[in-house]
Amino acid sequence: MDLVTAFTGMQQAKLATQVQYAVAAKSMDMQRMQGAAAIELLQSASAGASKAGDAMVAAATGLGGAIDTYG
């Protein structure tokens, strides 16, 4: 009876380990997706800020507000 109990315990431990690995892999995938989304958000915010800065400089200096069509 002890051999059967030991084998059953080993099988349960093996299954628990497999489940833990699967959960850890899923968690890592979620972290990678969230990290990629955060990087994309930062890049888009940075691009928007530089465009806004260019518009503010143009408004403050008056550059780009008119076209000289007289040669």
C-alpha atoms as a PDB file:
ATOM      1  CA  MET A   1       0.000   0.000   0.000  1.00  0.00           C
ATOM      2  CA  ASP A   2       2.895   2.394   0.675  1.00  0.00           C
ATOM      3  CA  LEU A   3       4.207   1.977  -2.871  1.00  0.00           C
ATOM      4  CA  VAL A   4       0.849   2.961  -4.356  1.00  0.00           C
ATOM      5  CA  THR A   5       0.610   5.960  -2.034  1.00  0.00           C
ATOM      6  CA  ALA A   6       4.129   7.067  -2.935  1.00  0.00           C
ATOM      7  CA  PHE A   7       3.454   6.718  -6.664  1.00  0.00           C
ATOM      8  CA  THR A   8       0.199   8.647  -6.360  1.00  0.00           C
ATOM      9  CA  GLY A   9       1.965  11.381  -4.424  1.00  0.00           C
ATOM     10  CA  MET A  10       4.673  11.622  -7.086  1.00  0.00           C
ATOM     11  CA  GLN A  11       2.077  11.875  -9.845  1.00  0.00           C
ATOM     12  CA  GLN A  12       0.230  14.612  -7.971  1.00  0.00           C
ATOM     13  CA  ALA A  13       3.465  16.526  -7.421  1.00  0.00           C
ATOM     14  CA  LYS A  14       4.299  16.195 -11.130  1.00  0.00           C
ATOM     15  CA  LEU A  15       0.869  17.501 -12.116  1.00  0.00           C
ATOM     16  CA  ALA A  16       1.096  20.386  -9.637  1.00  0.00           C
ATOM     17  CA  THR A  17       4.498  21.331 -11.073  1.00  0.00           C
ATOM     18  CA  GLN A  18       3.139  21.286 -14.626  1.00  0.00           C
ATOM     19  CA  VAL A  19       0.220  23.492 -13.603  1.00  0.00           C
ATOM     20  CA  GLN A  20       2.567  25.932 -11.852  1.00  0.00           C
ATOM     21  CA  TYR A  21       4.766  26.155 -14.960  1.00  0.00           C
ATOM     22  CA  ALA A  22       1.735  26.771 -17.160  1.00  0.00           C
ATOM     23  CA  VAL A  23       0.491  29.546 -14.860  1.00  0.00           C
ATOM     24  CA  ALA A  24       3.957  31.118 -14.744  1.00  0.00           C
ATOM     25  CA  ALA A  25       4.235  31.016 -18.546  1.00  0.00           C
ATOM     26  CA  LYS A  26       0.823  32.667 -18.908  1.00  0.00           C
ATOM     27  CA  SER A  27       1.823  35.331 -16.400  1.00  0.00           C
ATOM     28  CA  MET A  28       5.048  36.035 -18.305  1.00  0.00           C
ATOM     29  CA  ASP A  29       3.095  36.359 -21.553  1.00  0.00           C
ATOM     30  CA  MET A  30       0.772  38.883 -19.931  1.00  0.00           C
ATOM     31  CA  GLN A  31       3.740  40.852 -18.576  1.00  0.00           C
ATOM     32  CA  ARG A  32       5.340  40.918 -22.037  1.00  0.00           C
ATOM     33  CA  MET A  33       2.119  42.201 -23.614  1.00  0.00           C
ATOM     34  CA  GLN A  34       1.714  44.873 -20.938  1.00  0.00           C
ATOM     35  CA  GLY A  35       5.344  45.911 -21.347  1.00  0.00           C
ATOM     36  CA  ALA A  36       4.945  46.199 -25.105  1.00  0.00           C
ATOM     37  CA  ALA A  37       1.798  48.272 -24.644  1.00  0.00           C
ATOM     38  CA  ALA A  38       3.574  50.566 -22.179  1.00  0.00           C
ATOM     39  CA  ILE A  39       6.473  51.101 -24.589  1.00  0.00           C
ATOM     40  CA  GLU A  40       4.049  51.853 -27.416  1.00  0.00           C
ATOM     41  CA  LEU A  41       2.215  54.342 -25.198  1.00  0.00           C
ATOM     42  CA  LEU A  42       5.463  56.087 -24.263  1.00  0.00           C
ATOM     43  CA  GLN A  43       6.566  56.270 -27.897  1.00  0.00           C
ATOM     44  CA  SER A  44       3.260  57.728 -29.043  1.00  0.00           C
ATOM     45  CA  ALA A  45       3.287  60.253 -26.181  1.00  0.00           C
ATOM     46  CA  SER A  46       6.833  61.255 -27.080  1.00  0.00           C
ATOM     47  CA  ALA A  47       5.918  61.707 -30.742  1.00  0.00           C
ATOM     48  CA  GLY A  48       2.909  63.835 -29.795  1.00  0.00           C
ATOM     49  CA  ALA A  49       4.972  65.995 -27.466  1.00  0.00           C
ATOM     50  CA  SER A  50       7.587  66.751 -30.106  1.00  0.00           C
ATOM     51  CA  LYS A  51       4.898  67.721 -32.617  1.00  0.00           C
ATOM     52  CA  ALA A  52       3.230  69.943 -30.032  1.00  0.00           C
ATOM     53  CA  GLY A  53       6.599  71.527 -29.249  1.00  0.00           C
ATOM     54  CA  ASP A  54       7.172  72.291 -32.939  1.00  0.00           C
ATOM     55  CA  ALA A  55       3.758  73.940 -33.168  1.00  0.00           C
ATOM     56  CA  MET A  56       4.447  76.036 -30.051  1.00  0.00           C
ATOM     57  CA  VAL A  57       7.802  77.213 -31.429  1.00  0.00           C
ATOM     58  CA  ALA A  58       6.190  78.139 -34.734  1.00  0.00           C
ATOM     59  CA  ALA A  59       3.436  80.079 -32.948  1.00  0.00           C
ATOM     60  CA  ALA A  60       5.886  81.886 -30.663  1.00  0.00           C
ATOM     61  CA  THR A  61       8.338  82.878 -33.391  1.00  0.00           C
ATOM     62  CA  GLY A  62       5.900  83.433 -36.203  1.00  0.00           C
ATOM     63  CA  LEU A  63       7.916  81.156 -38.449  1.00  0.00           C
ATOM     64  CA  GLY A  64       5.877  79.117 -40.853  1.00  0.00           C
ATOM     65  CA  GLY A  65       2.848  81.368 -40.528  1.00  0.00           C
ATOM     66  CA  ALA A  66       3.073  82.916 -43.987  1.00  0.00           C
ATOM     67  CA  ILE A  67       4.432  82.071 -47.413  1.00  0.00           C
ATOM     68  CA  ASP A  68       6.455  84.620 -49.320  1.00  0.00           C
ATOM     69  CA  THR A  69       5.201  84.373 -52.881  1.00  0.00           C
ATOM     70  CA  TYR A  70       7.130  87.428 -54.080  1.00  0.00           C
ATOM     71  CA  GLY A  71      10.499  86.348 -55.384  1.00  0.00           C
END
